[in-house]
Amino acid sequence: MAQYPIEADKLLAAASLLVPASPGRGRPSYTAHRRGVSTAYYAVFHAIGERVVRQVFPTADATFRDRVRRWISHTDVKTVATWVGKLAGTLPGGPPPHIAALLAPTGVPSFDADTSSIAHGFLELHEKREQADYDHQAVFTRADTLGLLELARQVVATVEAIDSDESAVVRVDRHAGQSAAAVIHRFAASRAIGRSRNDRLHRRPLSGSRRGR
């Protein structure tokens, strides 16, 4: 087990320190708002990554789990979340046909409300994180920043509260519907594992692989 693991609750606590709800005298610097947003996003990203590890590889040893965490990229989760948004009708367009056939076999999305809320929250925080880290013109008011921190808390809580259903990770029940564990975690993991295999075929070390930011 890692001596200093990256934990979602610790990241949320750090974001709250950067942008406290009651700052007292003075106010946090504008840079603190940016770092608070970025840290809140990473809490969500690592919460999903940890869920992938625990749901898809429940019996793997600590070393392998650490490798899986490194396989999962921001782009993997963003891609899956975008598929969910398109199927839910909150984003324009549609996912690839094979994804639509799997997740909406009758034309109606078969995933639950938690899936949509995780996907929507992730996409919003991902966009805001990129603005916070790279866009010099982006503006983050105190109210907006606190709202994003609260959104991150809600998404992390939803991810961590999902009832474990390990069978849903390897079996699709099209009649009962699919939980967020089945959709977000399985597809993010499959994309990550597929890329890791490609890296090994090209003899590219995992530590040096490029990850979607």
Protein backbone atom coordinates (compact mmCIF):
# COMPACT_ATOMS: atom_id res chain seq x y z
CA MET A 1 0.00 0.00 0.00
CA ALA A 2 1.26 3.46 -0.88
CA GLN A 3 2.68 5.36 2.08
CA TYR A 4 1.06 8.60 0.97
CA PRO A 5 -1.96 7.65 -1.17
CA ILE A 6 -3.91 10.23 -3.12
CA GLU A 7 -7.32 10.31 -1.44
CA ALA A 8 -10.39 12.21 -2.61
CA ASP A 9 -11.41 13.36 0.87
CA LYS A 10 -7.96 14.76 1.54
CA LEU A 11 -8.03 16.66 -1.75
CA LEU A 12 -11.45 18.11 -0.93
CA ALA A 13 -10.13 19.18 2.47
CA ALA A 14 -7.16 20.86 0.78
CA ALA A 15 -9.49 22.68 -1.62
CA SER A 16 -11.52 23.92 1.34
CA LEU A 17 -8.37 25.25 2.99
CA LEU A 18 -7.55 27.16 -0.18
CA VAL A 19 -11.07 28.61 -0.39
CA PRO A 20 -12.68 28.41 3.06
CA ALA A 21 -16.42 28.95 3.40
CA SER A 22 -15.76 31.57 6.12
CA PRO A 23 -12.43 33.21 5.30
CA GLY A 24 -12.43 35.61 8.25
CA ARG A 25 -10.47 38.81 7.80
CA GLY A 26 -9.19 39.42 4.31
CA ARG A 27 -9.88 36.98 1.53
CA PRO A 28 -8.07 34.19 -0.30
CA SER A 29 -5.92 35.30 -3.20
CA TYR A 30 -7.33 34.85 -6.68
CA THR A 31 -4.69 32.18 -7.28
CA ALA A 32 -6.18 30.26 -4.36
CA HIS A 33 -9.50 30.19 -6.21
CA ARG A 34 -7.81 28.64 -9.23
CA ARG A 35 -5.96 26.07 -7.15
CA GLY A 36 -9.11 25.27 -5.21
CA VAL A 37 -11.03 24.50 -8.41
CA SER A 38 -8.19 22.38 -9.77
CA THR A 39 -7.81 20.45 -6.51
CA ALA A 40 -11.57 19.82 -6.32
CA TYR A 41 -11.51 18.38 -9.84
CA TYR A 42 -8.67 16.04 -8.93
CA ALA A 43 -10.68 14.81 -5.96
CA VAL A 44 -13.38 13.67 -8.39
CA PHE A 45 -10.88 12.18 -10.85
CA HIS A 46 -9.13 10.14 -8.16
CA ALA A 47 -12.42 9.06 -6.59
CA ILE A 48 -13.48 7.59 -9.93
CA GLY A 49 -10.04 6.03 -10.45
CA GLU A 50 -10.12 4.41 -7.03
CA ARG A 51 -13.59 3.07 -7.73
CA VAL A 52 -12.35 1.56 -11.00
CA VAL A 53 -9.61 -0.27 -9.15
CA ARG A 54 -11.86 -1.61 -6.41
CA GLN A 55 -14.75 -2.60 -8.71
CA VAL A 56 -12.88 -4.04 -11.67
CA PHE A 57 -9.93 -5.64 -9.83
CA PRO A 58 -11.22 -6.42 -6.33
CA THR A 59 -8.65 -9.14 -5.61
CA ALA A 60 -5.57 -7.59 -7.23
CA ASP A 61 -2.49 -6.90 -5.14
CA ALA A 62 -1.39 -3.39 -4.17
CA THR A 63 1.29 -3.14 -6.86
CA PHE A 64 -1.10 -4.02 -9.65
CA ARG A 65 -3.73 -1.62 -8.31
CA ASP A 66 -1.19 1.18 -8.37
CA ARG A 67 -0.49 0.40 -12.02
CA VAL A 68 -4.20 0.47 -12.84
CA ARG A 69 -4.53 3.90 -11.25
CA ARG A 70 -1.77 5.12 -13.56
CA TRP A 71 -3.44 3.59 -16.63
CA ILE A 72 -6.60 5.65 -16.21
CA SER A 73 -6.33 9.01 -17.95
CA HIS A 74 -8.45 12.12 -17.76
CA THR A 75 -9.38 11.55 -21.40
CA ASP A 76 -10.67 8.05 -20.61
CA VAL A 77 -13.11 9.32 -18.02
CA LYS A 78 -14.05 12.36 -20.11
CA THR A 79 -14.82 10.16 -23.11
CA VAL A 80 -17.08 7.87 -21.09
CA ALA A 81 -18.80 10.82 -19.41
CA THR A 82 -19.40 12.40 -22.82
CA TRP A 83 -21.01 9.18 -24.08
CA VAL A 84 -23.33 9.25 -21.08
CA GLY A 85 -24.19 12.92 -21.66
CA LYS A 86 -25.01 12.31 -25.31
CA LEU A 87 -27.24 9.36 -24.50
CA ALA A 88 -28.96 11.32 -21.74
CA GLY A 89 -29.60 14.20 -24.15
CA THR A 90 -27.61 16.79 -22.18
CA LEU A 91 -24.94 16.94 -24.89
CA PRO A 92 -25.43 17.16 -28.67
CA GLY A 93 -24.78 14.25 -30.97
CA GLY A 94 -24.52 10.59 -30.12
CA PRO A 95 -21.90 8.08 -29.01
CA PRO A 96 -20.38 5.46 -31.33
CA PRO A 97 -23.01 2.96 -32.55
CA HIS A 98 -21.61 0.06 -30.53
CA ILE A 99 -21.79 2.15 -27.35
CA ALA A 100 -25.35 3.22 -28.07
CA ALA A 101 -26.31 -0.41 -28.74
CA LEU A 102 -24.88 -1.45 -25.39
CA LEU A 103 -26.14 1.38 -23.20
CA ALA A 104 -29.41 2.17 -24.95
CA PRO A 105 -30.44 -1.06 -26.73
CA THR A 106 -34.08 0.02 -26.99
CA GLY A 107 -33.29 3.65 -27.75
CA VAL A 108 -33.72 4.63 -24.10
CA PRO A 109 -30.60 4.92 -21.89
CA SER A 110 -30.38 1.97 -19.51
CA PHE A 111 -28.18 3.65 -16.88
CA ASP A 112 -29.36 5.23 -13.67
CA ALA A 113 -29.56 8.84 -12.45
CA ASP A 114 -26.29 8.52 -10.52
CA THR A 115 -24.47 7.80 -13.78
CA SER A 116 -25.77 11.03 -15.32
CA SER A 117 -24.92 13.12 -12.26
CA ILE A 118 -21.37 11.75 -12.06
CA ALA A 119 -20.83 12.29 -15.79
CA HIS A 120 -22.25 15.82 -15.77
CA GLY A 121 -20.30 16.82 -12.68
CA PHE A 122 -17.06 15.39 -14.02
CA LEU A 123 -17.39 17.19 -17.35
CA GLU A 124 -18.14 20.54 -15.72
CA LEU A 125 -15.24 20.25 -13.29
CA HIS A 126 -12.89 19.03 -16.02
CA GLU A 127 -13.68 22.11 -18.10
CA LYS A 128 -13.27 24.45 -15.14
CA ARG A 129 -10.03 22.78 -14.11
CA GLU A 130 -8.53 23.38 -17.55
CA GLN A 131 -9.58 27.03 -17.35
CA ALA A 132 -8.16 27.34 -13.84
CA ASP A 133 -4.84 25.80 -14.86
CA TYR A 134 -4.33 27.27 -18.32
CA ASP A 135 -6.70 30.14 -19.19
CA HIS A 136 -5.26 33.49 -18.10
CA GLN A 137 -8.54 35.21 -18.94
CA ALA A 138 -10.78 32.91 -16.90
CA VAL A 139 -12.54 34.49 -13.92
CA PHE A 140 -13.42 32.55 -10.77
CA THR A 141 -15.48 34.53 -8.31
CA ARG A 142 -15.63 33.40 -4.73
CA ALA A 143 -19.26 32.31 -5.11
CA ASP A 144 -18.53 30.36 -8.29
CA THR A 145 -15.50 28.69 -6.72
CA LEU A 146 -17.41 27.61 -3.63
CA GLY A 147 -20.14 26.25 -5.90
CA LEU A 148 -17.62 24.15 -7.82
CA LEU A 149 -16.16 22.82 -4.58
CA GLU A 150 -19.63 21.81 -3.46
CA LEU A 151 -20.25 20.13 -6.81
CA ALA A 152 -17.05 18.14 -6.36
CA ARG A 153 -18.14 17.04 -2.89
CA GLN A 154 -21.47 15.85 -4.26
CA VAL A 155 -19.87 13.89 -7.11
CA VAL A 156 -17.33 12.26 -4.81
CA ALA A 157 -20.09 11.36 -2.35
CA THR A 158 -22.14 9.80 -5.17
CA VAL A 159 -19.18 7.80 -6.45
CA GLU A 160 -18.31 6.52 -2.99
CA ALA A 161 -21.91 5.76 -2.03
CA ILE A 162 -22.70 3.55 -5.02
CA ASP A 163 -23.61 0.08 -3.81
CA SER A 164 -20.99 -2.42 -4.90
CA ASP A 165 -22.22 -4.74 -7.61
CA GLU A 166 -19.22 -6.62 -8.89
CA SER A 167 -21.39 -8.70 -11.21
CA ALA A 168 -22.47 -5.55 -13.01
CA VAL A 169 -18.86 -4.91 -13.95
CA VAL A 170 -18.68 -8.11 -15.99
CA ARG A 171 -22.35 -8.60 -16.88
CA VAL A 172 -24.74 -6.22 -18.59
CA ASP A 173 -28.33 -6.55 -17.41
CA ARG A 174 -30.27 -4.67 -20.06
CA HIS A 175 -33.59 -5.13 -18.34
CA ALA A 176 -32.67 -3.97 -14.83
CA GLY A 177 -30.53 -1.08 -16.07
CA GLN A 178 -26.90 -0.35 -15.39
CA SER A 179 -25.50 1.40 -12.36
CA ALA A 180 -22.83 4.09 -12.48
CA ALA A 181 -20.37 1.43 -11.35
CA ALA A 182 -21.11 -0.60 -14.48
CA VAL A 183 -20.96 2.33 -16.91
CA ILE A 184 -18.34 4.76 -15.68
CA HIS A 185 -15.96 2.25 -14.16
CA ARG A 186 -16.08 -0.57 -16.65
CA PHE A 187 -15.66 1.58 -19.73
CA ALA A 188 -12.98 3.82 -18.22
CA ALA A 189 -11.09 0.69 -17.19
CA SER A 190 -11.45 -0.98 -20.59
CA ARG A 191 -10.12 2.10 -22.39
CA ALA A 192 -7.22 2.40 -19.97
CA ILE A 193 -6.30 -1.28 -20.16
CA GLY A 194 -6.46 -1.25 -23.93
CA ARG A 195 -4.07 1.68 -24.05
CA SER A 196 -1.70 0.07 -21.54
CA ARG A 197 -1.49 -3.03 -23.74
CA ASN A 198 -0.66 -0.86 -26.72
CA ASP A 199 2.07 0.84 -24.67
CA ARG A 200 3.61 -2.53 -23.82
CA LEU A 201 3.50 -3.64 -27.46
CA HIS A 202 5.48 -0.56 -28.38
CA ARG A 203 7.81 -1.05 -25.41
CA ARG A 204 6.88 2.33 -23.98
CA PRO A 205 7.28 2.45 -20.17
CA LEU A 206 4.12 3.31 -18.27
CA SER A 207 5.82 6.02 -16.24
CA GLY A 208 6.71 7.88 -19.41
CA SER A 209 3.41 7.53 -21.24
CA ARG A 210 1.47 10.65 -22.12
CA ARG A 211 -1.84 11.06 -20.34
CA GLY A 212 -4.76 13.20 -21.40
CA ARG A 213 -4.75 16.29 -19.27
